N, C-alpha and C. Protein backbone atom coordinates (compact mmCIF):
# COMPACT_ATOMS: atom_id res chain seq x y z
N MET A 1 0.85 -1.18 0.00
CA MET A 1 0.00 0.00 0.00
C MET A 1 0.89 1.24 0.00
N PRO A 2 0.65 2.21 -0.90
CA PRO A 2 1.50 3.40 -0.95
C PRO A 2 1.31 4.26 0.28
N THR A 3 2.37 4.92 0.69
CA THR A 3 2.25 5.84 1.82
C THR A 3 1.50 7.07 1.37
N LEU A 4 0.95 7.79 2.34
CA LEU A 4 0.14 8.96 2.03
C LEU A 4 0.94 10.00 1.24
N SER A 5 2.21 10.15 1.55
CA SER A 5 3.01 11.14 0.85
C SER A 5 3.25 10.76 -0.61
N ARG A 6 3.17 9.46 -0.92
CA ARG A 6 3.42 9.01 -2.28
C ARG A 6 2.14 8.88 -3.10
N MET A 7 0.99 8.90 -2.43
CA MET A 7 -0.28 8.79 -3.16
C MET A 7 -0.56 10.10 -3.89
N ARG A 8 -1.11 9.98 -5.08
CA ARG A 8 -1.49 11.17 -5.84
C ARG A 8 -2.91 11.55 -5.46
N LEU A 9 -3.06 12.76 -4.93
CA LEU A 9 -4.38 13.22 -4.53
C LEU A 9 -5.04 13.94 -5.70
N PRO A 10 -6.33 13.70 -5.93
CA PRO A 10 -7.01 14.31 -7.08
C PRO A 10 -7.20 15.82 -6.90
N HIS A 11 -6.98 16.56 -7.96
CA HIS A 11 -7.24 18.00 -7.97
C HIS A 11 -8.73 18.23 -8.21
N ASN A 12 -9.19 19.43 -7.87
CA ASN A 12 -10.58 19.79 -8.12
C ASN A 12 -10.95 19.57 -9.58
N SER A 13 -10.04 19.96 -10.48
CA SER A 13 -10.34 19.86 -11.92
C SER A 13 -10.50 18.41 -12.37
N GLU A 14 -9.78 17.50 -11.76
CA GLU A 14 -9.92 16.08 -12.11
C GLU A 14 -11.30 15.56 -11.73
N VAL A 15 -11.75 15.89 -10.53
CA VAL A 15 -13.07 15.44 -10.08
C VAL A 15 -14.16 16.15 -10.88
N LEU A 16 -13.96 17.42 -11.20
CA LEU A 16 -14.92 18.14 -12.04
C LEU A 16 -15.01 17.49 -13.41
N ASP A 17 -13.88 17.16 -14.01
CA ASP A 17 -13.89 16.48 -15.31
C ASP A 17 -14.61 15.13 -15.23
N PHE A 18 -14.42 14.43 -14.11
CA PHE A 18 -15.11 13.15 -13.91
C PHE A 18 -16.62 13.35 -13.95
N PHE A 19 -17.13 14.30 -13.16
CA PHE A 19 -18.58 14.53 -13.12
C PHE A 19 -19.11 15.08 -14.45
N ARG A 20 -18.32 15.91 -15.12
CA ARG A 20 -18.74 16.39 -16.44
C ARG A 20 -18.88 15.24 -17.43
N ALA A 21 -18.02 14.25 -17.32
CA ALA A 21 -18.09 13.10 -18.22
C ALA A 21 -19.25 12.17 -17.87
N GLU A 22 -19.62 12.11 -16.61
CA GLU A 22 -20.64 11.17 -16.15
C GLU A 22 -22.06 11.72 -16.20
N LEU A 23 -22.21 13.03 -16.13
CA LEU A 23 -23.56 13.63 -16.09
C LEU A 23 -23.95 14.23 -17.43
N PRO A 24 -25.24 14.20 -17.75
CA PRO A 24 -25.69 14.87 -18.98
C PRO A 24 -25.45 16.37 -18.87
N VAL A 25 -25.14 17.00 -20.00
CA VAL A 25 -24.87 18.43 -20.02
C VAL A 25 -26.19 19.19 -20.05
N MET A 26 -26.29 20.21 -19.21
CA MET A 26 -27.49 21.04 -19.19
C MET A 26 -27.42 22.02 -20.37
N GLY A 27 -28.58 22.32 -20.92
CA GLY A 27 -28.62 23.25 -22.05
C GLY A 27 -29.76 24.24 -21.90
N THR A 28 -29.70 25.30 -22.70
CA THR A 28 -30.75 26.31 -22.71
C THR A 28 -31.70 26.01 -23.87
N LEU A 29 -32.79 26.76 -23.95
CA LEU A 29 -33.74 26.59 -25.05
C LEU A 29 -33.11 26.90 -26.40
N THR A 30 -32.10 27.75 -26.41
CA THR A 30 -31.44 28.11 -27.66
C THR A 30 -30.36 27.11 -28.06
N GLY A 31 -30.18 26.08 -27.24
CA GLY A 31 -29.21 25.04 -27.57
C GLY A 31 -27.82 25.29 -27.00
N LYS A 32 -27.66 26.36 -26.24
CA LYS A 32 -26.36 26.64 -25.63
C LYS A 32 -26.11 25.66 -24.49
N MET A 33 -24.96 25.01 -24.50
CA MET A 33 -24.61 24.07 -23.46
C MET A 33 -24.08 24.82 -22.23
N ILE A 34 -24.48 24.36 -21.06
CA ILE A 34 -24.06 24.97 -19.80
C ILE A 34 -23.20 23.95 -19.07
N PRO A 35 -21.87 24.10 -19.13
CA PRO A 35 -21.01 23.11 -18.49
C PRO A 35 -21.10 23.20 -16.96
N LEU A 36 -21.01 22.06 -16.33
CA LEU A 36 -21.02 21.96 -14.87
C LEU A 36 -19.80 22.68 -14.31
N GLN A 37 -20.00 23.42 -13.22
CA GLN A 37 -18.91 24.12 -12.54
C GLN A 37 -18.72 23.53 -11.15
N LEU A 38 -17.60 23.82 -10.55
CA LEU A 38 -17.20 23.26 -9.26
C LEU A 38 -18.22 23.53 -8.15
N ASP A 39 -18.80 24.73 -8.13
CA ASP A 39 -19.72 25.11 -7.05
C ASP A 39 -21.19 25.07 -7.43
N ASP A 40 -21.53 24.53 -8.60
CA ASP A 40 -22.93 24.38 -8.98
C ASP A 40 -23.62 23.38 -8.07
N ALA A 41 -24.88 23.65 -7.74
CA ALA A 41 -25.67 22.68 -6.97
C ALA A 41 -26.02 21.53 -7.91
N LEU A 42 -25.51 20.36 -7.60
CA LEU A 42 -25.76 19.20 -8.46
C LEU A 42 -27.25 18.87 -8.53
N GLN A 43 -27.98 19.15 -7.46
CA GLN A 43 -29.42 18.88 -7.45
C GLN A 43 -30.14 19.71 -8.51
N ALA A 44 -29.65 20.92 -8.76
CA ALA A 44 -30.28 21.79 -9.76
C ALA A 44 -29.78 21.48 -11.16
N TYR A 45 -28.61 20.87 -11.25
CA TYR A 45 -27.99 20.64 -12.55
C TYR A 45 -28.50 19.38 -13.24
N THR A 46 -28.81 18.35 -12.46
CA THR A 46 -29.19 17.07 -13.05
C THR A 46 -30.22 16.34 -12.21
N GLU A 47 -30.82 15.33 -12.80
CA GLU A 47 -31.80 14.50 -12.09
C GLU A 47 -31.09 13.58 -11.10
N PHE A 48 -31.78 13.22 -10.03
CA PHE A 48 -31.18 12.37 -9.00
C PHE A 48 -30.73 11.03 -9.56
N ASP A 49 -31.49 10.45 -10.50
CA ASP A 49 -31.11 9.15 -11.07
C ASP A 49 -29.74 9.23 -11.73
N ASP A 50 -29.50 10.27 -12.52
CA ASP A 50 -28.21 10.45 -13.17
C ASP A 50 -27.11 10.71 -12.14
N LEU A 51 -27.43 11.52 -11.15
CA LEU A 51 -26.45 11.84 -10.12
C LEU A 51 -26.08 10.61 -9.30
N SER A 52 -27.06 9.79 -8.94
CA SER A 52 -26.76 8.61 -8.12
C SER A 52 -25.86 7.62 -8.87
N LEU A 53 -26.06 7.49 -10.18
CA LEU A 53 -25.16 6.63 -10.97
C LEU A 53 -23.74 7.18 -10.98
N ALA A 54 -23.62 8.50 -11.13
CA ALA A 54 -22.30 9.14 -11.13
C ALA A 54 -21.64 9.00 -9.76
N ILE A 55 -22.41 9.13 -8.69
CA ILE A 55 -21.86 8.99 -7.34
C ILE A 55 -21.36 7.57 -7.10
N ASP A 56 -22.08 6.58 -7.61
CA ASP A 56 -21.61 5.19 -7.48
C ASP A 56 -20.27 4.99 -8.19
N LYS A 57 -20.13 5.56 -9.38
CA LYS A 57 -18.87 5.46 -10.11
C LYS A 57 -17.76 6.23 -9.40
N TYR A 58 -18.09 7.39 -8.85
CA TYR A 58 -17.14 8.18 -8.06
C TYR A 58 -16.63 7.34 -6.89
N SER A 59 -17.55 6.65 -6.21
CA SER A 59 -17.19 5.82 -5.06
C SER A 59 -16.14 4.78 -5.44
N LYS A 60 -16.33 4.15 -6.57
CA LYS A 60 -15.39 3.12 -7.03
C LYS A 60 -14.06 3.74 -7.46
N LYS A 61 -14.13 4.83 -8.20
CA LYS A 61 -12.91 5.46 -8.72
C LYS A 61 -12.03 6.03 -7.62
N TYR A 62 -12.63 6.68 -6.62
CA TYR A 62 -11.86 7.35 -5.57
C TYR A 62 -11.87 6.60 -4.24
N ASP A 63 -12.49 5.42 -4.22
CA ASP A 63 -12.54 4.58 -3.03
C ASP A 63 -13.11 5.33 -1.82
N ILE A 64 -14.27 5.93 -2.02
CA ILE A 64 -14.97 6.67 -0.97
C ILE A 64 -16.27 5.95 -0.66
N ASP A 65 -16.53 5.72 0.62
CA ASP A 65 -17.78 5.08 1.04
C ASP A 65 -18.91 6.10 0.98
N VAL A 66 -19.69 6.05 -0.08
CA VAL A 66 -20.78 7.02 -0.25
C VAL A 66 -22.06 6.59 0.46
N SER A 67 -22.05 5.40 1.04
CA SER A 67 -23.25 4.95 1.76
C SER A 67 -23.48 5.78 3.02
N VAL A 68 -22.48 6.54 3.45
CA VAL A 68 -22.62 7.37 4.65
C VAL A 68 -23.24 8.73 4.36
N ILE A 69 -23.37 9.09 3.08
CA ILE A 69 -23.93 10.41 2.74
C ILE A 69 -25.38 10.49 3.19
N ASP A 70 -25.69 11.53 3.94
CA ASP A 70 -27.06 11.76 4.40
C ASP A 70 -27.79 12.60 3.35
N PHE A 71 -28.45 11.92 2.43
CA PHE A 71 -29.12 12.63 1.33
C PHE A 71 -30.29 13.48 1.80
N SER A 72 -30.78 13.25 3.02
CA SER A 72 -31.87 14.10 3.52
C SER A 72 -31.36 15.51 3.81
N ALA A 73 -30.06 15.71 3.90
CA ALA A 73 -29.49 17.05 4.06
C ALA A 73 -29.48 17.82 2.74
N TYR A 74 -29.66 17.10 1.62
CA TYR A 74 -29.55 17.70 0.29
C TYR A 74 -30.83 17.61 -0.54
N TYR A 75 -31.79 16.83 -0.09
CA TYR A 75 -33.06 16.66 -0.81
C TYR A 75 -34.20 16.74 0.17
N PRO A 76 -35.40 17.19 -0.24
CA PRO A 76 -35.78 17.55 -1.60
C PRO A 76 -35.25 18.93 -1.99
N TRP A 77 -34.90 19.07 -3.25
CA TRP A 77 -34.42 20.32 -3.82
C TRP A 77 -35.57 20.97 -4.58
N GLU A 78 -35.81 22.22 -4.29
CA GLU A 78 -36.89 22.95 -4.97
C GLU A 78 -36.40 23.39 -6.34
N THR A 79 -37.05 22.91 -7.38
CA THR A 79 -36.65 23.29 -8.74
C THR A 79 -37.56 24.40 -9.25
N GLU A 80 -36.98 25.28 -10.02
CA GLU A 80 -37.71 26.43 -10.55
C GLU A 80 -38.48 26.01 -11.79
N TRP A 81 -39.77 26.31 -11.85
CA TRP A 81 -40.53 25.98 -13.06
C TRP A 81 -40.22 27.01 -14.13
N PHE A 82 -40.42 26.63 -15.35
CA PHE A 82 -39.95 27.38 -16.53
C PHE A 82 -40.37 28.84 -16.56
N PHE A 83 -41.64 29.15 -16.31
CA PHE A 83 -42.14 30.52 -16.44
C PHE A 83 -42.09 31.32 -15.14
N ARG A 84 -41.49 30.79 -14.10
CA ARG A 84 -41.48 31.45 -12.80
C ARG A 84 -40.91 32.86 -12.87
N LYS A 85 -39.85 33.07 -13.64
CA LYS A 85 -39.21 34.39 -13.73
C LYS A 85 -40.12 35.44 -14.35
N CYS A 86 -41.14 35.02 -15.07
CA CYS A 86 -42.10 35.97 -15.64
C CYS A 86 -43.00 36.57 -14.57
N PHE A 87 -43.13 35.87 -13.43
CA PHE A 87 -44.06 36.28 -12.39
C PHE A 87 -43.40 36.85 -11.15
N THR A 88 -42.16 36.48 -10.89
CA THR A 88 -41.48 36.96 -9.69
C THR A 88 -39.98 36.96 -9.89
N LYS A 89 -39.34 37.87 -9.21
CA LYS A 89 -37.87 37.93 -9.26
C LYS A 89 -37.27 37.32 -7.99
N LYS A 90 -38.13 36.97 -7.04
CA LYS A 90 -37.64 36.39 -5.80
C LYS A 90 -37.04 35.01 -6.07
N PRO A 91 -35.85 34.75 -5.54
CA PRO A 91 -35.26 33.43 -5.72
C PRO A 91 -36.01 32.39 -4.89
N ILE A 92 -35.95 31.17 -5.32
CA ILE A 92 -36.54 30.07 -4.56
C ILE A 92 -35.72 29.89 -3.29
N ARG A 93 -36.39 29.75 -2.20
CA ARG A 93 -35.71 29.54 -0.92
C ARG A 93 -35.54 28.04 -0.68
N GLN A 94 -34.30 27.62 -0.68
CA GLN A 94 -34.02 26.21 -0.46
C GLN A 94 -34.02 25.90 1.03
N THR A 95 -34.51 24.71 1.38
CA THR A 95 -34.52 24.29 2.78
C THR A 95 -33.42 23.26 3.05
N VAL A 96 -32.68 22.91 2.01
CA VAL A 96 -31.58 21.95 2.14
C VAL A 96 -30.31 22.57 1.57
N LYS A 97 -29.20 21.92 1.82
CA LYS A 97 -27.90 22.43 1.39
C LYS A 97 -27.59 21.99 -0.04
N PRO A 98 -26.81 22.80 -0.76
CA PRO A 98 -26.38 22.37 -2.10
C PRO A 98 -25.31 21.28 -1.99
N LEU A 99 -25.37 20.35 -2.91
CA LEU A 99 -24.39 19.28 -3.03
C LEU A 99 -23.54 19.64 -4.25
N THR A 100 -22.23 19.83 -4.06
CA THR A 100 -21.39 20.34 -5.15
C THR A 100 -20.25 19.39 -5.50
N VAL A 101 -19.70 19.58 -6.67
CA VAL A 101 -18.52 18.81 -7.10
C VAL A 101 -17.35 19.09 -6.16
N LYS A 102 -17.26 20.32 -5.69
CA LYS A 102 -16.18 20.68 -4.77
C LYS A 102 -16.20 19.81 -3.51
N MET A 103 -17.39 19.50 -3.02
CA MET A 103 -17.52 18.63 -1.85
C MET A 103 -16.97 17.24 -2.15
N PHE A 104 -17.26 16.75 -3.36
CA PHE A 104 -16.76 15.43 -3.75
C PHE A 104 -15.25 15.45 -3.94
N ALA A 105 -14.71 16.56 -4.47
CA ALA A 105 -13.26 16.68 -4.66
C ALA A 105 -12.54 16.71 -3.31
N GLU A 106 -13.06 17.49 -2.37
CA GLU A 106 -12.44 17.58 -1.05
C GLU A 106 -12.51 16.24 -0.33
N SER A 107 -13.60 15.54 -0.49
CA SER A 107 -13.75 14.23 0.13
C SER A 107 -12.80 13.21 -0.50
N ALA A 108 -12.61 13.29 -1.81
CA ALA A 108 -11.68 12.38 -2.49
C ALA A 108 -10.26 12.58 -1.97
N ARG A 109 -9.88 13.82 -1.75
CA ARG A 109 -8.53 14.10 -1.22
C ARG A 109 -8.40 13.60 0.22
N ALA A 110 -9.48 13.70 0.99
CA ALA A 110 -9.45 13.28 2.40
C ALA A 110 -9.56 11.76 2.56
N GLY A 111 -10.09 11.09 1.53
CA GLY A 111 -10.25 9.64 1.60
C GLY A 111 -11.53 9.19 2.27
N GLU A 112 -12.41 10.16 2.55
CA GLU A 112 -13.71 9.84 3.16
C GLU A 112 -14.67 10.99 2.90
N TRP A 113 -15.98 10.69 3.00
CA TRP A 113 -17.00 11.73 2.85
C TRP A 113 -16.90 12.66 4.05
N LEU A 114 -16.73 13.95 3.81
CA LEU A 114 -16.46 14.93 4.87
C LEU A 114 -17.70 15.65 5.37
N TYR A 115 -18.80 15.50 4.72
CA TYR A 115 -19.97 16.35 5.01
C TYR A 115 -21.05 15.56 5.73
N GLU A 116 -22.30 16.01 5.62
CA GLU A 116 -23.39 15.38 6.39
C GLU A 116 -23.41 13.87 6.17
N LYS A 117 -23.37 13.15 7.29
CA LYS A 117 -23.35 11.69 7.23
C LYS A 117 -24.58 11.15 7.95
N GLU A 118 -25.05 10.02 7.44
CA GLU A 118 -26.14 9.33 8.11
C GLU A 118 -25.60 8.75 9.41
N HIS A 119 -26.44 8.70 10.39
CA HIS A 119 -26.05 8.10 11.67
C HIS A 119 -26.07 6.59 11.51
N GLN A 120 -24.96 5.98 11.79
CA GLN A 120 -24.88 4.53 11.61
C GLN A 120 -24.56 3.82 12.89
């Protein structure tokens, strides 16, 4: 087993590239692609089914136990309906925390999930 000093720790950009490859790209009505960014809320960017498949692959690639993630801290996510901006400028008030690629990158470097965990 390699020592910690000899192990290569993943950079934010590596984990971001991983999620960009695993998740469908979001687009606008005009066909403009919106690439995933490090601090984007994954819940707003993609469907849970796509995200859960990507998280499973992340778990295998970076050897992180994702079964400890407390998804109740991140869901349900309030999604904005298409015409909402025509009626109000007030942002949707989320009652849960955003789940971001940066969180997954930091956890990959630490070797464990660092954020809200289910009580086991």
